[in-house]
Amino acid sequence: LPSLAEGLPVYFQRDDYYKPELVQWVDESPFDCPEEDLLQIDFVGIRQGDCIIISYKGKRMLVDGGENFRFMAVEKYMIQQGITRFDYFFLTHAHDDHIGLPARLLNHGYIPDVQYSPYDDTEKYSSWTPYVKQLKSAGVEMVKVSGGDTVAIMDGVTLQFWQWPQAEADTMNDHSAVAMVCFGDARMLLTGDICGNAQRWLTENYPPEVFKCDIMKSPHHGNTVMGQEFLTGADPNMMVITNPRSATKGVNNQLDKLGIAHVDITYTLHCQTDGKVWYVWREEMPK
């Protein structure tokens, strides 16, 4: 097998979907510990959009969620997986294709304890203002996160945040809160919708290597190629593109040239880690 970039190994359940020259295949899970001791991060297969569920020892966080109309598909997935509630929501930014599903979940009684976001209740963004009313009505605690913050969300699981400040950022996408999920030595970088200018700002204001990760979510659904310095700093062994492959040809070509494994979310993608290695497999969405 080819050697991958430095970082934790990412093992893939054998599947003819992956390019064999880019991945390390296994026929079964590499873990011999109880599942409850594994951090699991699922990219729900909604085809286009960020619907990410972080689970550990019975606690769960929903990251973004996608548009409102994805609710029925996501609820079927939650029923299939036995998910009845979330402890936390984390919103990277307040565009409809990220905030729509959390708002719908609130309406259907899925009430988290805490909502993390880069906003407080005084912000006047068109989608955020009515959402704040929902949160307050449901008694959800709102916590604003900023660049440099670290939050412990579960025992042994932390999120480290970076952000181009709202007052300076060119667009709402560019002030997305970027988060590194940390568990043992495992690192996954969630990039929201940051575009080229935000990627440039981050690498000009932080050493690029602070974004080093094992697995990375493509910025802005893989709609545009990534800044070279930002991507080189992150240096992932795998990229998750939250869009069908047919919609992200530029990013696919960029990653192929660099020899970085990449997968889309036409299926749900499960990522498990014990903090030492990653194990990845795909699963069809329920009908």
C-alpha atoms as a PDB file:
ATOM      1  CA  LEU A   1       0.000   0.000   0.000  1.00  0.00           C
ATOM      2  CA  PRO A   2       1.201   3.542  -0.636  1.00  0.00           C
ATOM      3  CA  SER A   3       2.268   5.618   2.333  1.00  0.00           C
ATOM      4  CA  LEU A   4      -0.161   8.403   3.195  1.00  0.00           C
ATOM      5  CA  ALA A   5       0.717  11.885   4.423  1.00  0.00           C
ATOM      6  CA  GLU A   6       1.783  12.253   8.036  1.00  0.00           C
ATOM      7  CA  GLY A   7      -1.111  12.023  10.440  1.00  0.00           C
ATOM      8  CA  LEU A   8      -3.254   9.181  11.678  1.00  0.00           C
ATOM      9  CA  PRO A   9      -4.014   6.326   9.267  1.00  0.00           C
ATOM     10  CA  VAL A  10      -7.452   6.350   7.641  1.00  0.00           C
ATOM     11  CA  TYR A  11      -8.686   2.826   6.881  1.00  0.00           C
ATOM     12  CA  PHE A  12     -11.608   2.274   4.510  1.00  0.00           C
ATOM     13  CA  GLN A  13     -14.018  -0.627   4.580  1.00  0.00           C
ATOM     14  CA  ARG A  14     -13.454  -2.429   1.279  1.00  0.00           C
ATOM     15  CA  ASP A  15     -15.699  -0.808  -1.322  1.00  0.00           C
ATOM     16  CA  ASP A  16     -15.349  -0.484  -5.097  1.00  0.00           C
ATOM     17  CA  TYR A  17     -16.271   3.204  -4.759  1.00  0.00           C
ATOM     18  CA  TYR A  18     -12.779   4.272  -3.713  1.00  0.00           C
ATOM     19  CA  LYS A  19      -9.719   4.639  -5.905  1.00  0.00           C
ATOM     20  CA  PRO A  20      -7.449   1.844  -4.643  1.00  0.00           C
ATOM     21  CA  GLU A  21      -4.265   3.847  -5.145  1.00  0.00           C
ATOM     22  CA  LEU A  22      -5.460   6.480  -2.656  1.00  0.00           C
ATOM     23  CA  VAL A  23      -6.841   4.416   0.225  1.00  0.00           C
ATOM     24  CA  GLN A  24      -5.901   1.703   2.695  1.00  0.00           C
ATOM     25  CA  TRP A  25      -8.570  -0.983   2.574  1.00  0.00           C
ATOM     26  CA  VAL A  26      -9.609  -3.284   5.395  1.00  0.00           C
ATOM     27  CA  ASP A  27     -12.310  -5.952   5.418  1.00  0.00           C
ATOM     28  CA  GLU A  28     -13.477  -5.275   8.970  1.00  0.00           C
ATOM     29  CA  SER A  29     -13.212  -2.725  11.747  1.00  0.00           C
ATOM     30  CA  PRO A  30      -9.680  -2.374  13.174  1.00  0.00           C
ATOM     31  CA  PHE A  31     -11.007  -1.735  16.693  1.00  0.00           C
ATOM     32  CA  ASP A  32     -11.267  -4.298  19.482  1.00  0.00           C
ATOM     33  CA  CYS A  33     -12.741  -1.902  22.067  1.00  0.00           C
ATOM     34  CA  PRO A  34     -16.444  -1.313  22.813  1.00  0.00           C
ATOM     35  CA  GLU A  35     -18.192   0.991  20.327  1.00  0.00           C
ATOM     36  CA  GLU A  36     -19.030   3.404  23.147  1.00  0.00           C
ATOM     37  CA  ASP A  37     -15.304   4.132  23.495  1.00  0.00           C
ATOM     38  CA  LEU A  38     -15.088   5.280  19.870  1.00  0.00           C
ATOM     39  CA  LEU A  39     -15.759   8.798  18.628  1.00  0.00           C
ATOM     40  CA  GLN A  40     -18.039   8.640  15.595  1.00  0.00           C
ATOM     41  CA  ILE A  41     -18.608  11.461  13.113  1.00  0.00           C
ATOM     42  CA  ASP A  42     -21.263  10.914  10.453  1.00  0.00           C
ATOM     43  CA  PHE A  43     -21.694  12.948   7.282  1.00  0.00           C
ATOM     44  CA  VAL A  44     -25.364  12.265   6.586  1.00  0.00           C
ATOM     45  CA  GLY A  45     -26.010  11.456   2.940  1.00  0.00           C
ATOM     46  CA  ILE A  46     -28.216  14.382   1.952  1.00  0.00           C
ATOM     47  CA  ARG A  47     -26.242  14.742  -1.311  1.00  0.00           C
ATOM     48  CA  GLN A  48     -25.692  18.511  -1.073  1.00  0.00           C
ATOM     49  CA  GLY A  49     -25.227  20.220   2.280  1.00  0.00           C
ATOM     50  CA  ASP A  50     -23.499  19.889   5.630  1.00  0.00           C
ATOM     51  CA  CYS A  51     -25.369  17.580   8.018  1.00  0.00           C
ATOM     52  CA  ILE A  52     -22.741  16.280  10.434  1.00  0.00           C
ATOM     53  CA  ILE A  53     -23.420  14.314  13.630  1.00  0.00           C
ATOM     54  CA  ILE A  54     -20.692  13.902  16.276  1.00  0.00           C
ATOM     55  CA  SER A  55     -21.362  11.090  18.780  1.00  0.00           C
ATOM     56  CA  TYR A  56     -19.457   9.863  21.829  1.00  0.00           C
ATOM     57  CA  LYS A  57     -20.583   7.928  24.919  1.00  0.00           C
ATOM     58  CA  GLY A  58     -24.264   8.633  24.319  1.00  0.00           C
ATOM     59  CA  LYS A  59     -23.907  12.372  23.665  1.00  0.00           C
ATOM     60  CA  ARG A  60     -24.441  13.985  20.265  1.00  0.00           C
ATOM     61  CA  MET A  61     -23.797  17.260  18.484  1.00  0.00           C
ATOM     62  CA  LEU A  62     -25.401  18.295  15.187  1.00  0.00           C
ATOM     63  CA  VAL A  63     -23.154  20.491  13.045  1.00  0.00           C
ATOM     64  CA  ASP A  64     -25.224  22.651  10.667  1.00  0.00           C
ATOM     65  CA  GLY A  65     -27.817  20.340   9.072  1.00  0.00           C
ATOM     66  CA  GLY A  66     -28.696  21.497   5.585  1.00  0.00           C
ATOM     67  CA  GLU A  67     -31.848  23.019   4.191  1.00  0.00           C
ATOM     68  CA  ASN A  68     -35.326  22.797   5.683  1.00  0.00           C
ATOM     69  CA  PHE A  69     -36.580  20.353   3.043  1.00  0.00           C
ATOM     70  CA  ARG A  70     -33.963  17.764   4.085  1.00  0.00           C
ATOM     71  CA  PHE A  71     -35.881  17.154   7.318  1.00  0.00           C
ATOM     72  CA  MET A  72     -37.780  14.004   6.309  1.00  0.00           C
ATOM     73  CA  ALA A  73     -34.669  12.288   4.947  1.00  0.00           C
ATOM     74  CA  VAL A  74     -32.625  13.203   8.023  1.00  0.00           C
ATOM     75  CA  GLU A  75     -35.362  12.152  10.445  1.00  0.00           C
ATOM     76  CA  LYS A  76     -35.572   8.736   8.709  1.00  0.00           C
ATOM     77  CA  TYR A  77     -31.810   8.466   9.169  1.00  0.00           C
ATOM     78  CA  MET A  78     -32.096   9.417  12.847  1.00  0.00           C
ATOM     79  CA  ILE A  79     -34.798   6.792  13.423  1.00  0.00           C
ATOM     80  CA  GLN A  80     -32.660   4.180  11.661  1.00  0.00           C
ATOM     81  CA  GLN A  81     -29.695   5.063  13.885  1.00  0.00           C
ATOM     82  CA  GLY A  82     -31.716   5.300  17.107  1.00  0.00           C
ATOM     83  CA  ILE A  83     -31.080   9.039  17.530  1.00  0.00           C
ATOM     84  CA  THR A  84     -33.817  10.639  19.632  1.00  0.00           C
ATOM     85  CA  ARG A  85     -32.150  13.881  20.725  1.00  0.00           C
ATOM     86  CA  PHE A  86     -29.093  16.093  20.451  1.00  0.00           C
ATOM     87  CA  ASP A  87     -27.170  17.580  23.358  1.00  0.00           C
ATOM     88  CA  TYR A  88     -25.668  20.340  21.221  1.00  0.00           C
ATOM     89  CA  PHE A  89     -26.181  22.152  17.943  1.00  0.00           C
ATOM     90  CA  PHE A  90     -23.234  23.909  16.301  1.00  0.00           C
ATOM     91  CA  LEU A  91     -24.004  26.381  13.509  1.00  0.00           C
ATOM     92  CA  THR A  92     -21.015  27.527  11.442  1.00  0.00           C
ATOM     93  CA  HIS A  93     -22.944  30.436   9.897  1.00  0.00           C
ATOM     94  CA  ALA A  94     -26.542  31.514   9.321  1.00  0.00           C
ATOM     95  CA  HIS A  95     -27.245  30.757   5.671  1.00  0.00           C
ATOM     96  CA  ASP A  96     -30.504  28.927   4.945  1.00  0.00           C
ATOM     97  CA  ASP A  97     -28.722  25.809   3.673  1.00  0.00           C
ATOM     98  CA  HIS A  98     -27.099  25.399   7.112  1.00  0.00           C
ATOM     99  CA  ILE A  99     -29.706  26.728   9.552  1.00  0.00           C
ATOM    100  CA  GLY A 100     -32.866  25.413   7.863  1.00  0.00           C
ATOM    101  CA  LEU A 101     -32.726  21.876   9.233  1.00  0.00           C
ATOM    102  CA  PRO A 102     -31.885  22.838  12.853  1.00  0.00           C
ATOM    103  CA  ALA A 103     -34.846  25.238  12.801  1.00  0.00           C
ATOM    104  CA  ARG A 104     -37.121  22.439  11.553  1.00  0.00           C
ATOM    105  CA  LEU A 105     -35.785  20.052  14.199  1.00  0.00           C
ATOM    106  CA  LEU A 106     -36.631  22.558  16.920  1.00  0.00           C
ATOM    107  CA  ASN A 107     -40.185  22.756  15.582  1.00  0.00           C
ATOM    108  CA  HIS A 108     -40.438  18.968  15.849  1.00  0.00           C
ATOM    109  CA  GLY A 109     -39.272  18.791  19.444  1.00  0.00           C
ATOM    110  CA  TYR A 110     -35.577  17.979  19.007  1.00  0.00           C
ATOM    111  CA  ILE A 111     -34.315  20.444  21.613  1.00  0.00           C
ATOM    112  CA  PRO A 112     -30.579  20.631  22.395  1.00  0.00           C
ATOM    113  CA  ASP A 113     -29.191  21.906  25.672  1.00  0.00           C
ATOM    114  CA  VAL A 114     -26.769  24.324  23.993  1.00  0.00           C
ATOM    115  CA  GLN A 115     -26.526  26.092  20.627  1.00  0.00           C
ATOM    116  CA  TYR A 116     -22.968  27.068  19.655  1.00  0.00           C
ATOM    117  CA  SER A 117     -22.505  29.607  16.857  1.00  0.00           C
ATOM    118  CA  PRO A 118     -20.422  32.681  15.948  1.00  0.00           C
ATOM    119  CA  TYR A 119     -23.397  34.902  16.922  1.00  0.00           C
ATOM    120  CA  ASP A 120     -25.167  36.288  19.950  1.00  0.00           C
ATOM    121  CA  ASP A 121     -28.858  37.113  20.190  1.00  0.00           C
ATOM    122  CA  THR A 122     -28.385  40.702  18.964  1.00  0.00           C
ATOM    123  CA  GLU A 123     -27.332  39.753  15.421  1.00  0.00           C
ATOM    124  CA  LYS A 124     -29.902  40.714  12.772  1.00  0.00           C
ATOM    125  CA  TYR A 125     -29.259  38.228   9.974  1.00  0.00           C
ATOM    126  CA  SER A 126     -32.494  37.294   8.206  1.00  0.00           C
ATOM    127  CA  SER A 127     -32.375  33.575   9.082  1.00  0.00           C
ATOM    128  CA  TRP A 128     -30.803  34.028  12.504  1.00  0.00           C
ATOM    129  CA  THR A 129     -33.365  36.429  14.022  1.00  0.00           C
ATOM    130  CA  PRO A 130     -36.378  34.051  13.849  1.00  0.00           C
ATOM    131  CA  TYR A 131     -34.128  31.158  14.860  1.00  0.00           C
ATOM    132  CA  VAL A 132     -33.135  33.022  18.039  1.00  0.00           C
ATOM    133  CA  LYS A 133     -36.824  33.304  18.927  1.00  0.00           C
ATOM    134  CA  GLN A 134     -37.145  29.526  18.534  1.00  0.00           C
ATOM    135  CA  LEU A 135     -34.109  28.921  20.735  1.00  0.00           C
ATOM    136  CA  LYS A 136     -35.354  31.236  23.462  1.00  0.00           C
ATOM    137  CA  SER A 137     -38.853  29.758  23.364  1.00  0.00           C
ATOM    138  CA  ALA A 138     -37.355  26.270  23.762  1.00  0.00           C
ATOM    139  CA  GLY A 139     -35.037  27.353  26.600  1.00  0.00           C
ATOM    140  CA  VAL A 140     -31.850  26.543  24.685  1.00  0.00           C
ATOM    141  CA  GLU A 141     -28.653  28.138  25.986  1.00  0.00           C
ATOM    142  CA  MET A 142     -26.857  30.178  23.289  1.00  0.00           C
ATOM    143  CA  VAL A 143     -23.052  30.267  23.367  1.00  0.00           C
ATOM    144  CA  LYS A 144     -21.095  32.506  21.010  1.00  0.00           C
ATOM    145  CA  VAL A 145     -17.723  31.109  19.898  1.00  0.00           C
ATOM    146  CA  SER A 146     -14.874  33.137  18.437  1.00  0.00           C
ATOM    147  CA  GLY A 147     -11.477  32.449  16.959  1.00  0.00           C
ATOM    148  CA  GLY A 148      -9.126  31.089  19.628  1.00  0.00           C
ATOM    149  CA  ASP A 149     -11.880  29.468  21.707  1.00  0.00           C
ATOM    150  CA  THR A 150     -11.733  25.812  22.749  1.00  0.00           C
ATOM    151  CA  VAL A 151     -14.883  24.049  23.977  1.00  0.00           C
ATOM    152  CA  ALA A 152     -15.085  20.629  25.623  1.00  0.00           C
ATOM    153  CA  ILE A 153     -18.289  19.126  24.227  1.00  0.00           C
ATOM    154  CA  MET A 154     -17.906  15.563  25.540  1.00  0.00           C
ATOM    155  CA  ASP A 155     -15.528  13.725  27.838  1.00  0.00           C
ATOM    156  CA  GLY A 156     -12.218  13.837  25.953  1.00  0.00           C
ATOM    157  CA  VAL A 157     -13.688  15.545  22.851  1.00  0.00           C
ATOM    158  CA  THR A 158     -12.957  19.230  22.186  1.00  0.00           C
ATOM    159  CA  LEU A 159     -13.611  21.742  19.440  1.00  0.00           C
ATOM    160  CA  GLN A 160     -10.964  24.364  18.638  1.00  0.00           C
ATOM    161  CA  PHE A 161     -12.293  27.384  16.722  1.00  0.00           C
ATOM    162  CA  TRP A 162     -10.905  29.848  14.199  1.00  0.00           C
ATOM    163  CA  GLN A 163     -12.794  32.628  12.459  1.00  0.00           C
ATOM    164  CA  TRP A 164     -12.256  35.650  10.262  1.00  0.00           C
ATOM    165  CA  PRO A 165     -14.083  38.235  12.432  1.00  0.00           C
ATOM    166  CA  GLN A 166     -17.516  39.210  11.141  1.00  0.00           C
ATOM    167  CA  ALA A 167     -16.674  42.900  11.049  1.00  0.00           C
ATOM    168  CA  GLU A 168     -13.790  42.209   8.640  1.00  0.00           C
ATOM    169  CA  ALA A 169     -14.983  39.258   6.565  1.00  0.00           C
ATOM    170  CA  ASP A 170     -16.152  39.878   3.004  1.00  0.00           C
ATOM    171  CA  THR A 171     -19.219  37.613   3.204  1.00  0.00           C
ATOM    172  CA  MET A 172     -21.210  35.487   5.637  1.00  0.00           C
ATOM    173  CA  ASN A 173     -19.560  32.401   4.152  1.00  0.00           C
ATOM    174  CA  ASP A 174     -16.149  33.832   4.948  1.00  0.00           C
ATOM    175  CA  HIS A 175     -16.969  34.455   8.618  1.00  0.00           C
ATOM    176  CA  SER A 176     -17.987  30.792   9.066  1.00  0.00           C
ATOM    177  CA  ALA A 177     -16.675  29.361  12.327  1.00  0.00           C
ATOM    178  CA  VAL A 178     -13.997  26.782  11.465  1.00  0.00           C
ATOM    179  CA  ALA A 179     -13.645  23.976  14.009  1.00  0.00           C
ATOM    180  CA  MET A 180     -11.119  21.226  14.665  1.00  0.00           C
ATOM    181  CA  VAL A 181     -12.623  18.176  16.345  1.00  0.00           C
ATOM    182  CA  CYS A 182      -9.941  16.719  18.654  1.00  0.00           C
ATOM    183  CA  PHE A 183      -9.996  13.299  20.316  1.00  0.00           C
ATOM    184  CA  GLY A 184      -6.751  11.712  21.452  1.00  0.00           C
ATOM    185  CA  ASP A 185      -4.391  12.242  18.527  1.00  0.00           C
ATOM    186  CA  ALA A 186      -7.269  12.306  16.002  1.00  0.00           C
ATOM    187  CA  ARG A 187      -8.081  15.542  14.202  1.00  0.00           C
ATOM    188  CA  MET A 188     -10.962  16.398  11.861  1.00  0.00           C
ATOM    189  CA  LEU A 189     -11.257  19.907  10.390  1.00  0.00           C
ATOM    190  CA  LEU A 190     -14.760  21.268   9.725  1.00  0.00           C
ATOM    191  CA  THR A 191     -14.503  24.331   7.502  1.00  0.00           C
ATOM    192  CA  GLY A 192     -18.047  25.644   7.092  1.00  0.00           C
ATOM    193  CA  ASP A 193     -18.302  27.613   3.856  1.00  0.00           C
ATOM    194  CA  ILE A 194     -15.057  29.599   3.987  1.00  0.00           C
ATOM    195  CA  CYS A 195     -13.982  30.712   0.519  1.00  0.00           C
ATOM    196  CA  GLY A 196     -10.618  31.783  -0.874  1.00  0.00           C
ATOM    197  CA  ASN A 197     -10.312  35.126   0.920  1.00  0.00           C
ATOM    198  CA  ALA A 198     -11.083  33.560   4.306  1.00  0.00           C
ATOM    199  CA  GLN A 199      -8.632  30.722   3.694  1.00  0.00           C
ATOM    200  CA  ARG A 200      -6.002  33.329   2.852  1.00  0.00           C
ATOM    201  CA  TRP A 201      -6.829  35.355   5.983  1.00  0.00           C
ATOM    202  CA  LEU A 202      -6.536  32.283   8.189  1.00  0.00           C
ATOM    203  CA  THR A 203      -3.115  31.307   6.841  1.00  0.00           C
ATOM    204  CA  GLU A 204      -1.890  34.905   7.131  1.00  0.00           C
ATOM    205  CA  ASN A 205      -3.006  35.139  10.767  1.00  0.00           C
ATOM    206  CA  TYR A 206      -2.170  31.630  12.006  1.00  0.00           C
ATOM    207  CA  PRO A 207       0.661  29.243  11.167  1.00  0.00           C
ATOM    208  CA  PRO A 208      -0.842  27.075   8.372  1.00  0.00           C
ATOM    209  CA  GLU A 209       0.234  23.919  10.189  1.00  0.00           C
ATOM    210  CA  VAL A 210      -2.247  24.582  13.033  1.00  0.00           C
ATOM    211  CA  PHE A 211      -4.911  23.340  10.607  1.00  0.00           C
ATOM    212  CA  LYS A 212      -3.134  19.968  10.198  1.00  0.00           C
ATOM    213  CA  CYS A 213      -5.742  17.216  10.298  1.00  0.00           C
ATOM    214  CA  ASP A 214      -6.376  13.610   9.371  1.00  0.00           C
ATOM    215  CA  ILE A 215      -9.765  14.231   7.741  1.00  0.00           C
ATOM    216  CA  MET A 216     -11.092  17.528   6.391  1.00  0.00           C
ATOM    217  CA  LYS A 217     -14.521  18.660   5.223  1.00  0.00           C
ATOM    218  CA  SER A 218     -14.201  20.567   1.966  1.00  0.00           C
ATOM    219  CA  PRO A 219     -14.960  24.282   2.338  1.00  0.00           C
ATOM    220  CA  HIS A 220     -18.221  25.507   0.773  1.00  0.00           C
ATOM    221  CA  HIS A 221     -19.369  22.062  -0.391  1.00  0.00           C
ATOM    222  CA  GLY A 222     -16.433  21.711  -2.751  1.00  0.00           C
ATOM    223  CA  ASN A 223     -17.829  24.374  -5.083  1.00  0.00           C
ATOM    224  CA  THR A 224     -14.416  25.967  -5.673  1.00  0.00           C
ATOM    225  CA  VAL A 225     -10.817  24.793  -5.481  1.00  0.00           C
ATOM    226  CA  MET A 226      -9.015  25.430  -2.206  1.00  0.00           C
ATOM    227  CA  GLY A 227      -6.232  27.884  -1.515  1.00  0.00           C
ATOM    228  CA  GLN A 228      -2.952  26.052  -1.863  1.00  0.00           C
ATOM    229  CA  GLU A 229      -1.394  27.335   1.373  1.00  0.00           C
ATOM    230  CA  PHE A 230      -4.494  26.453   3.420  1.00  0.00           C
ATOM    231  CA  LEU A 231      -4.747  22.980   1.891  1.00  0.00           C
ATOM    232  CA  THR A 232      -1.018  22.356   2.291  1.00  0.00           C
ATOM    233  CA  GLY A 233      -1.218  23.344   5.960  1.00  0.00           C
ATOM    234  CA  ALA A 234      -4.216  21.102   6.616  1.00  0.00           C
ATOM    235  CA  ASP A 235      -2.538  18.241   4.710  1.00  0.00           C
ATOM    236  CA  PRO A 236      -5.450  15.790   5.185  1.00  0.00           C
ATOM    237  CA  ASN A 237      -5.318  12.098   4.442  1.00  0.00           C
ATOM    238  CA  MET A 238      -8.970  12.257   3.361  1.00  0.00           C
ATOM    239  CA  MET A 239     -11.354  14.977   2.167  1.00  0.00           C
ATOM    240  CA  VAL A 240     -15.126  14.753   2.582  1.00  0.00           C
ATOM    241  CA  ILE A 241     -16.933  16.756  -0.097  1.00  0.00           C
ATOM    242  CA  THR A 242     -20.505  17.585   0.890  1.00  0.00           C
ATOM    243  CA  ASN A 243     -21.796  17.488  -2.661  1.00  0.00           C
ATOM    244  CA  PRO A 244     -22.145  14.862  -5.399  1.00  0.00           C
ATOM    245  CA  ARG A 245     -18.939  14.169  -7.301  1.00  0.00           C
ATOM    246  CA  SER A 246     -20.451  15.467 -10.549  1.00  0.00           C
ATOM    247  CA  ALA A 247     -20.781  18.970  -9.034  1.00  0.00           C
ATOM    248  CA  THR A 248     -17.190  19.331  -7.813  1.00  0.00           C
ATOM    249  CA  LYS A 249     -14.921  18.515 -10.743  1.00  0.00           C
ATOM    250  CA  GLY A 250     -12.412  21.284  -9.969  1.00  0.00           C
ATOM    251  CA  VAL A 251     -11.844  20.091  -6.399  1.00  0.00           C
ATOM    252  CA  ASN A 252     -11.778  16.443  -7.513  1.00  0.00           C
ATOM    253  CA  ASN A 253      -8.995  17.259  -9.984  1.00  0.00           C
ATOM    254  CA  GLN A 254      -7.095  19.302  -7.374  1.00  0.00           C
ATOM    255  CA  LEU A 255      -7.175  16.433  -4.867  1.00  0.00           C
ATOM    256  CA  ASP A 256      -6.346  13.764  -7.467  1.00  0.00           C
ATOM    257  CA  LYS A 257      -3.195  15.681  -8.425  1.00  0.00           C
ATOM    258  CA  LEU A 258      -2.159  15.836  -4.764  1.00  0.00           C
ATOM    259  CA  GLY A 259      -2.967  12.166  -4.125  1.00  0.00           C
ATOM    260  CA  ILE A 260      -5.569  12.944  -1.452  1.00  0.00           C
ATOM    261  CA  ALA A 261      -8.449  10.469  -1.064  1.00  0.00           C
ATOM    262  CA  HIS A 262     -11.825  12.165  -1.385  1.00  0.00           C
ATOM    263  CA  VAL A 263     -15.427  11.020  -1.015  1.00  0.00           C
ATOM    264  CA  ASP A 264     -18.819  12.643  -1.538  1.00  0.00           C
ATOM    265  CA  ILE A 265     -22.060  12.254   0.432  1.00  0.00           C
ATOM    266  CA  THR A 266     -24.376  10.568  -2.046  1.00  0.00           C
ATOM    267  CA  TYR A 267     -24.222   7.927   0.728  1.00  0.00           C
ATOM    268  CA  THR A 268     -23.820   8.547   4.456  1.00  0.00           C
ATOM    269  CA  LEU A 269     -20.172   8.436   5.458  1.00  0.00           C
ATOM    270  CA  HIS A 270     -19.314   7.083   8.928  1.00  0.00           C
ATOM    271  CA  CYS A 271     -15.935   7.967  10.451  1.00  0.00           C
ATOM    272  CA  GLN A 272     -14.875   6.248  13.689  1.00  0.00           C
ATOM    273  CA  THR A 273     -11.719   6.731  15.719  1.00  0.00           C
ATOM    274  CA  ASP A 274     -10.157   5.539  18.962  1.00  0.00           C
ATOM    275  CA  GLY A 275      -7.849   8.557  18.848  1.00  0.00           C
ATOM    276  CA  LYS A 276      -5.122   6.509  17.132  1.00  0.00           C
ATOM    277  CA  VAL A 277      -6.572   5.451  13.755  1.00  0.00           C
ATOM    278  CA  TRP A 278      -9.668   6.195  11.689  1.00  0.00           C
ATOM    279  CA  TYR A 279     -12.098   3.696  10.164  1.00  0.00           C
ATOM    280  CA  VAL A 280     -14.452   4.863   7.399  1.00  0.00           C
ATOM    281  CA  TRP A 281     -17.415   3.172   5.725  1.00  0.00           C
ATOM    282  CA  ARG A 282     -20.416   4.120   3.599  1.00  0.00           C
ATOM    283  CA  GLU A 283     -24.102   3.373   4.116  1.00  0.00           C
ATOM    284  CA  GLU A 284     -27.146   4.018   1.964  1.00  0.00           C
ATOM    285  CA  MET A 285     -29.746   6.423   3.286  1.00  0.00           C
ATOM    286  CA  PRO A 286     -33.034   4.800   4.362  1.00  0.00           C
ATOM    287  CA  LYS A 287     -35.790   4.858   1.734  1.00  0.00           C
END
